[in-house]
């Protein structure tokens, strides 16, 4: 996996990221965690959790809180916001 610095920060994130839109809608909790674990194992550190994804962001939050707790801080969860 290749990594790049995120903007002007010291954060380094994977060039490939996982979009969380299907988590919680097409994938149940167990399947969502399996997908997130595989992404982590492949070296992905960037997860897109835009607010329009519905329960996808919640699935990512559940995954961060599930054991092992050591996965917290290993990823950069990015989110966009829509205005109206």
Protein backbone atom coordinates (compact mmCIF):
# COMPACT_ATOMS: atom_id res chain seq x y z
CA UNK A 1 0.00 0.00 0.00
CA UNK A 2 1.25 3.46 -0.79
CA UNK A 3 0.76 6.34 1.64
CA UNK A 4 0.70 10.11 1.29
CA UNK A 5 0.75 13.00 3.71
CA UNK A 6 -2.74 14.45 4.30
CA UNK A 7 -2.66 18.12 3.34
CA UNK A 8 -0.35 20.18 5.54
CA UNK A 9 -0.71 17.80 8.49
CA UNK A 10 1.70 15.15 9.71
CA UNK A 11 -0.91 12.43 9.06
CA UNK A 12 -0.02 9.79 6.50
CA UNK A 13 -2.95 8.03 4.90
CA UNK A 14 -3.27 5.26 2.34
CA UNK A 15 -3.76 6.29 -1.27
CA UNK A 16 -6.72 3.91 -1.41
CA UNK A 17 -9.63 4.38 0.93
CA UNK A 18 -12.81 2.57 1.83
CA UNK A 19 -16.18 4.22 1.25
CA UNK A 20 -18.55 3.38 4.09
CA UNK A 21 -21.75 3.96 2.11
CA UNK A 22 -22.68 0.27 1.88
CA UNK A 23 -21.94 -0.51 5.51
CA UNK A 24 -25.17 -0.80 7.41
CA UNK A 25 -27.36 -0.78 4.31
CA UNK A 26 -26.03 -3.61 2.16
CA UNK A 27 -23.90 -5.20 4.90
CA UNK A 28 -25.04 -6.08 8.41
CA UNK A 29 -22.87 -5.40 11.48
CA UNK A 30 -20.87 -8.64 11.22
CA UNK A 31 -20.22 -8.23 7.49
CA UNK A 32 -19.36 -4.54 7.96
CA UNK A 33 -16.73 -5.43 10.56
CA UNK A 34 -15.35 -8.14 8.25
CA UNK A 35 -15.02 -5.60 5.41
CA UNK A 36 -13.34 -3.06 7.69
CA UNK A 37 -10.93 -5.70 9.03
CA UNK A 38 -9.96 -6.74 5.50
CA UNK A 39 -9.37 -3.11 4.53
CA UNK A 40 -7.17 -2.67 7.62
CA UNK A 41 -5.27 -5.88 6.86
CA UNK A 42 -4.65 -4.61 3.30
CA UNK A 43 -3.08 -1.44 4.74
CA UNK A 44 -5.96 0.99 4.18
CA UNK A 45 -5.99 3.79 6.70
CA UNK A 46 -8.54 6.13 5.07
CA UNK A 47 -12.27 5.54 5.58
CA UNK A 48 -14.88 7.82 4.02
CA UNK A 49 -17.80 8.33 6.39
CA UNK A 50 -19.82 11.14 4.77
CA UNK A 51 -23.00 12.06 6.64
CA UNK A 52 -25.15 11.12 3.64
CA UNK A 53 -24.06 7.48 4.03
CA UNK A 54 -26.62 6.86 6.77
CA UNK A 55 -25.68 4.00 9.09
CA UNK A 56 -22.28 3.48 7.40
CA UNK A 57 -20.59 5.96 9.71
CA UNK A 58 -22.19 4.28 12.71
CA UNK A 59 -20.79 0.92 11.58
CA UNK A 60 -17.31 2.44 11.44
CA UNK A 61 -17.79 3.85 14.94
CA UNK A 62 -18.96 0.46 16.24
CA UNK A 63 -15.90 -1.13 14.65
CA UNK A 64 -13.54 1.35 16.33
CA UNK A 65 -15.08 0.54 19.71
CA UNK A 66 -15.06 -3.25 19.25
CA UNK A 67 -12.09 -5.25 20.56
CA UNK A 68 -9.21 -4.97 20.01
CA UNK A 69 -9.16 -1.40 21.26
CA UNK A 70 -5.71 -0.99 19.67
CA UNK A 71 -7.33 -0.22 16.29
CA UNK A 72 -8.40 3.22 17.57
CA UNK A 73 -6.07 5.84 16.16
CA UNK A 74 -4.89 3.59 13.34
CA UNK A 75 -7.22 5.15 10.78
CA UNK A 76 -8.26 8.52 9.47
CA UNK A 77 -12.04 8.73 9.16
CA UNK A 78 -12.92 11.51 6.74
CA UNK A 79 -16.33 13.02 6.44
CA UNK A 80 -18.01 15.54 4.23
CA UNK A 81 -21.04 17.57 5.12
CA UNK A 82 -23.94 18.61 2.98
CA UNK A 83 -25.64 21.90 3.50
CA UNK A 84 -29.09 22.96 2.72
